């Protein structure tokens, strides 16, 4: 389960940022996970619960913002959500090869003190 490695990195980054800010505790940690990132949100939650002990996030809340797959249609000059991995514009039915969002996995925010 690669989510453990991902969460280890996220916690290390969160702790580094917390210490750099002169804080000693993480109250909330929020990550953004794209639908096409290959990360399973429930596995990430499990990894957080298992790894947070003895970290600055030991009592922190964990939040995941799930990011849908969003494409750009050049013909319509509009974004659309790629549902069921269908990259066809729902307005003009042209295929899109321009994925704008949906692959990200990042540390979105921290609440610290």
Protein backbone atom coordinates (compact mmCIF):
# COMPACT_ATOMS: atom_id res chain seq x y z
CA UNK A 1 0.00 0.00 0.00
CA UNK A 2 1.88 3.08 -1.25
CA UNK A 3 -0.41 5.37 0.78
CA UNK A 4 1.82 4.73 3.83
CA UNK A 5 4.83 6.16 2.00
CA UNK A 6 2.78 9.09 0.79
CA UNK A 7 1.51 9.79 4.30
CA UNK A 8 5.00 9.51 5.78
CA UNK A 9 6.15 12.20 3.33
CA UNK A 10 3.09 14.38 4.00
CA UNK A 11 3.59 14.18 7.77
CA UNK A 12 7.30 14.96 7.43
CA UNK A 13 6.51 18.01 5.30
CA UNK A 14 3.76 19.10 7.71
CA UNK A 15 6.11 18.80 10.68
CA UNK A 16 8.87 20.71 8.88
CA UNK A 17 6.47 23.55 7.99
CA UNK A 18 5.07 23.59 11.53
CA UNK A 19 8.53 23.85 13.11
CA UNK A 20 9.63 26.48 10.57
CA UNK A 21 6.63 28.57 11.62
CA UNK A 22 7.68 28.27 15.27
CA UNK A 23 4.68 26.13 16.19
CA UNK A 24 4.62 22.88 18.14
CA UNK A 25 1.31 21.27 17.29
CA UNK A 26 -0.72 20.42 14.19
CA UNK A 27 -4.47 20.66 14.77
CA UNK A 28 -5.69 19.92 11.26
CA UNK A 29 -3.97 18.58 8.17
CA UNK A 30 -5.71 18.82 4.81
CA UNK A 31 -4.59 17.15 1.59
CA UNK A 32 -5.92 17.35 -1.96
CA UNK A 33 -6.24 14.06 -3.80
CA UNK A 34 -7.06 13.92 -7.50
CA UNK A 35 -9.40 11.25 -8.79
CA UNK A 36 -6.70 10.07 -11.20
CA UNK A 37 -3.80 10.30 -8.73
CA UNK A 38 -3.81 6.60 -7.95
CA UNK A 39 -4.23 7.36 -4.24
CA UNK A 40 -7.08 5.62 -2.40
CA UNK A 41 -8.58 8.12 0.10
CA UNK A 42 -9.64 5.46 2.62
CA UNK A 43 -6.16 3.92 2.56
CA UNK A 44 -4.69 7.38 3.11
CA UNK A 45 -6.98 7.90 6.13
CA UNK A 46 -5.88 4.54 7.52
CA UNK A 47 -2.21 5.44 7.00
CA UNK A 48 -2.68 8.79 8.76
CA UNK A 49 -4.29 7.12 11.77
CA UNK A 50 -1.49 4.56 11.93
CA UNK A 51 1.40 7.02 11.48
CA UNK A 52 0.36 10.13 13.42
CA UNK A 53 1.35 8.75 16.83
CA UNK A 54 4.46 10.46 18.21
CA UNK A 55 4.27 13.28 15.65
CA UNK A 56 3.18 16.89 15.96
CA UNK A 57 -0.10 15.70 14.39
CA UNK A 58 -0.84 13.08 17.08
CA UNK A 59 -4.20 14.70 17.94
CA UNK A 60 -4.85 16.35 14.58
CA UNK A 61 -7.92 16.04 12.42
CA UNK A 62 -7.29 14.80 8.91
CA UNK A 63 -9.23 16.08 5.92
CA UNK A 64 -9.14 14.98 2.30
CA UNK A 65 -10.39 17.21 -0.50
CA UNK A 66 -11.16 14.97 -3.44
CA UNK A 67 -10.44 16.68 -6.76
CA UNK A 68 -12.43 15.53 -9.80
CA UNK A 69 -10.88 14.94 -13.20
CA UNK A 70 -11.43 18.16 -15.17
CA UNK A 71 -10.62 18.59 -18.87
CA UNK A 72 -10.48 21.57 -21.20
CA UNK A 73 -12.45 21.60 -24.45
CA UNK A 74 -10.64 23.74 -27.03
CA UNK A 75 -13.69 23.77 -29.31
CA UNK A 76 -16.03 25.19 -26.62
CA UNK A 77 -13.33 27.04 -24.67
CA UNK A 78 -14.71 25.53 -21.48
CA UNK A 79 -13.76 23.14 -18.72
CA UNK A 80 -15.79 20.03 -18.01
CA UNK A 81 -15.67 17.21 -15.50
CA UNK A 82 -14.54 13.95 -17.04
CA UNK A 83 -17.05 11.57 -15.54
CA UNK A 84 -16.33 7.84 -15.70
CA UNK A 85 -13.01 8.71 -17.34
CA UNK A 86 -14.85 9.91 -20.43
CA UNK A 87 -12.79 12.75 -21.89
CA UNK A 88 -15.48 13.80 -24.34
CA UNK A 89 -16.94 17.29 -23.99
CA UNK A 90 -20.60 17.00 -22.93
CA UNK A 91 -21.50 20.13 -24.96
CA UNK A 92 -19.91 19.51 -28.35
CA UNK A 93 -18.87 15.84 -27.99
CA UNK A 94 -15.28 16.53 -29.07
CA UNK A 95 -12.61 14.46 -27.32
CA UNK A 96 -10.20 16.32 -25.05
CA UNK A 97 -6.58 15.49 -24.41
CA UNK A 98 -6.12 18.41 -22.02
CA UNK A 99 -6.52 17.20 -18.44
CA UNK A 100 -6.47 20.29 -16.19
CA UNK A 101 -7.06 18.73 -12.75
CA UNK A 102 -7.36 15.30 -11.24
CA UNK A 103 -3.82 13.96 -10.86
CA UNK A 104 -2.73 16.09 -7.91
CA UNK A 105 -1.75 14.88 -4.47
CA UNK A 106 -0.61 17.71 -2.26
CA UNK A 107 -0.60 19.13 1.23
CA UNK A 108 -3.33 21.78 0.98
CA UNK A 109 -3.30 23.36 4.43
CA UNK A 110 -2.29 23.08 8.06
CA UNK A 111 -3.83 24.48 11.23
CA UNK A 112 -1.03 24.83 13.76
CA UNK A 113 -0.18 26.46 17.05
